[in-house]
Protein backbone atom coordinates (compact mmCIF):
# COMPACT_ATOMS: atom_id res chain seq x y z
CA MET A 1 139.48 174.56 105.65
CA ALA A 2 141.26 171.76 107.45
CA ILE A 3 138.98 169.74 108.91
CA ASN A 4 140.21 167.91 112.07
CA TYR A 5 139.21 164.04 112.11
CA GLN A 6 140.27 163.92 116.16
CA GLN A 7 137.79 166.67 117.07
CA CYS A 8 135.01 165.70 114.83
CA GLY A 9 135.70 161.71 116.55
CA ALA A 10 135.45 163.62 119.61
CA LEU A 11 132.23 165.71 119.12
CA ALA A 12 130.62 162.68 117.63
CA LEU A 13 131.09 160.46 120.63
CA ALA A 14 130.16 163.50 123.15
CA ALA A 15 126.90 163.22 121.39
CA GLY A 16 126.32 159.40 121.26
CA LEU A 17 127.33 159.59 124.57
CA ALA A 18 125.16 162.99 125.85
CA THR A 19 121.80 160.69 123.96
CA GLY A 20 122.86 156.94 125.72
CA LEU A 21 122.65 159.52 128.65
CA LEU A 22 119.06 160.83 128.25
CA ALA A 23 117.95 157.68 127.39
CA MET A 24 119.26 156.03 131.28
CA LEU A 25 117.51 158.85 132.93
CA PRO A 26 115.15 158.23 135.60
CA SER A 27 111.23 157.77 134.84
CA LEU A 28 111.19 161.44 137.17
CA ALA A 29 111.80 163.66 134.23
CA GLN A 30 108.99 162.67 132.86
CA GLN A 31 105.27 163.95 132.84
CA ALA A 32 102.95 162.33 134.94
CA ASN A 33 99.80 161.04 133.02
CA PHE A 34 97.56 162.40 135.49
CA GLU A 35 97.47 164.77 139.25
CA ALA A 36 100.65 165.57 141.05
CA PHE A 37 100.14 165.57 144.93
CA THR A 38 102.06 166.50 147.77
CA LEU A 39 102.52 165.60 151.12
CA SER A 40 103.47 167.99 154.35
CA GLY A 41 103.35 168.20 158.11
CA SER A 42 100.12 170.22 157.68
CA THR A 43 98.85 168.11 154.59
CA PRO A 44 99.27 164.55 155.77
CA THR A 45 96.55 162.79 153.40
CA ALA A 46 96.01 162.73 149.86
CA SER A 47 93.17 161.70 147.29
CA VAL A 48 93.85 161.65 142.94
CA SER A 49 92.84 159.42 140.70
CA GLY A 50 93.28 158.15 137.34
CA PHE A 51 92.97 155.10 134.77
CA THR A 52 94.82 152.16 133.95
CA ASN A 53 95.22 151.66 130.45
CA GLY A 54 98.84 150.10 130.34
CA ILE A 55 100.37 147.69 128.13
CA SER A 56 103.91 148.16 129.23
CA ALA A 57 104.67 145.51 131.89
CA LEU A 58 105.70 147.19 135.43
CA SER A 59 108.75 144.73 135.84
CA SER A 60 110.56 146.33 132.89
CA ILE A 61 110.71 149.40 134.52
CA ALA A 62 111.37 146.89 138.33
CA GLY A 63 111.95 143.90 138.55
CA ARG A 64 111.94 143.44 142.16
CA ASP A 65 110.99 146.11 144.66
CA ARG A 66 113.61 146.75 147.51
CA ASN A 67 112.01 144.24 149.70
CA GLY A 68 112.30 141.21 146.95
CA THR A 69 108.25 141.49 145.93
CA ILE A 70 108.19 140.80 142.11
CA CYS A 71 106.12 144.05 140.47
CA ALA A 72 103.35 142.37 138.17
CA GLY A 73 100.93 144.35 136.19
CA PHE A 74 100.86 146.34 133.38
CA ALA A 75 100.72 149.66 133.02
CA ASP A 76 101.96 153.24 130.77
CA THR A 77 105.78 153.46 130.77
CA ALA A 78 105.01 156.89 131.69
CA PRO A 79 104.29 157.43 135.69
CA ASP A 80 100.77 158.02 136.09
CA HIS A 81 101.00 160.29 139.29
CA ILE A 82 104.00 162.28 141.14
CA MET A 83 104.20 162.14 144.36
CA VAL A 84 106.22 164.47 146.88
CA LEU A 85 107.29 164.61 150.03
CA GLN A 86 108.65 167.72 151.63
CA GLN A 87 109.63 165.56 154.52
CA ASP A 88 110.57 161.94 156.01
CA PHE A 89 107.21 160.47 156.72
CA ALA A 90 107.88 156.77 158.90
CA THR A 91 104.94 155.38 157.79
CA LEU A 92 103.30 155.69 154.62
CA THR A 93 100.57 153.78 152.74
CA LEU A 94 98.96 154.11 149.16
CA GLN A 95 95.77 152.27 148.45
CA VAL A 96 94.07 152.22 145.12
CA ASN A 97 90.53 152.03 145.00
CA SER A 98 88.83 150.76 141.38
CA GLY A 99 85.85 149.33 143.03
CA GLY A 100 87.72 145.65 143.06
CA ASN A 101 89.66 145.55 139.90
CA ASP A 102 92.71 143.91 140.35
CA THR A 103 94.71 146.42 139.98
CA SER A 104 99.21 146.83 140.69
CA LEU A 105 101.18 149.47 142.64
CA LEU A 106 104.55 151.03 141.45
CA VAL A 107 106.00 153.75 143.23
CA GLN A 108 110.02 154.86 142.72
CA GLY A 109 112.16 157.18 144.34
CA SER A 110 114.38 159.94 142.83
CA ASP A 111 117.22 157.56 144.36
CA GLY A 112 115.57 154.42 142.12
CA THR A 113 114.04 152.94 145.20
CA VAL A 114 111.29 150.84 144.54
CA ARG A 115 108.19 149.95 146.07
CA CYS A 116 105.55 147.22 144.75
CA GLY A 117 102.01 146.42 145.54
CA GLY A 118 99.45 144.07 144.66
CA ASP A 119 96.23 143.01 145.64
CA THR A 120 95.55 143.66 149.36
CA ASP A 121 94.00 140.36 150.32
CA ARG A 122 91.62 138.09 148.77
CA ARG A 123 88.38 139.77 149.78
CA ASN A 124 89.93 143.21 147.48
CA PRO A 125 91.73 142.86 144.60
CA ASP A 126 93.21 146.77 144.59
CA ALA A 127 96.63 147.02 145.29
CA ARG A 128 98.38 148.75 147.79
CA VAL A 129 101.96 149.55 149.02
CA GLN A 130 102.25 149.76 153.07
CA ASP A 131 106.08 150.67 153.93
CA GLN A 132 108.25 152.68 156.29
CA ASN A 133 110.58 154.84 156.13
CA TRP A 134 110.07 157.10 153.44
CA PRO A 135 112.80 160.37 152.87
CA ALA A 136 111.62 163.21 152.01
CA GLY A 137 111.55 163.68 147.68
CA THR A 138 109.79 163.24 144.58
CA TYR A 139 108.48 159.03 143.69
CA SER A 140 107.05 158.25 140.56
CA VAL A 141 103.80 156.46 140.88
CA TRP A 142 102.63 153.55 138.25
CA VAL A 143 98.64 152.58 138.99
CA GLY A 144 97.94 149.86 136.83
CA SER A 145 96.20 146.69 135.77
CA HIS A 146 97.48 142.60 135.71
CA GLN A 147 95.81 142.33 132.32
CA GLN A 148 97.43 144.00 129.40
CA GLY A 149 95.25 146.95 128.29
CA GLN A 150 92.52 146.52 130.95
CA ARG A 151 91.00 149.98 131.28
CA TYR A 152 90.17 151.20 135.55
CA ASN A 153 88.89 154.14 137.00
CA TYR A 154 90.59 154.44 140.29
CA SER A 155 91.34 156.26 143.58
CA LEU A 156 94.87 156.64 145.27
CA SER A 157 95.01 157.64 147.87
CA ALA A 158 97.82 158.28 150.27
CA THR A 159 98.31 158.46 154.63
CA PRO A 160 100.68 157.89 156.74
């Protein structure tokens, strides 16, 4: 049986491209570390919980968000939660409550749009993302801490 080197080369190239494309798939294909949640007209608010324990810089997921805010902090490489918006939301607030620990927050839409949040104010170092124009879709949510490897229990609420 004759070996067709052109076909072998084409197959190797295709396999290499497929491997590279799989590595570039968005984090939305990953499973979340904790509970997913859905917001709709009948369920416009949600609350989930988890804990921070990250060693990866959020800046490796996204350096800056759509408003130019630096995505600071440390989280797991996999998202902590998956948020599904079944309709567009004019405004939406995601608020971390860890009892006042220094947390961070990164939200990435399926379209690649990133929103980052840090301290809500000097008295409360828990993170918040408050923004407008949230299109229906699936979002990956990372809750992190500003110190690498720091573990904080938290609840995350989403409200319009």
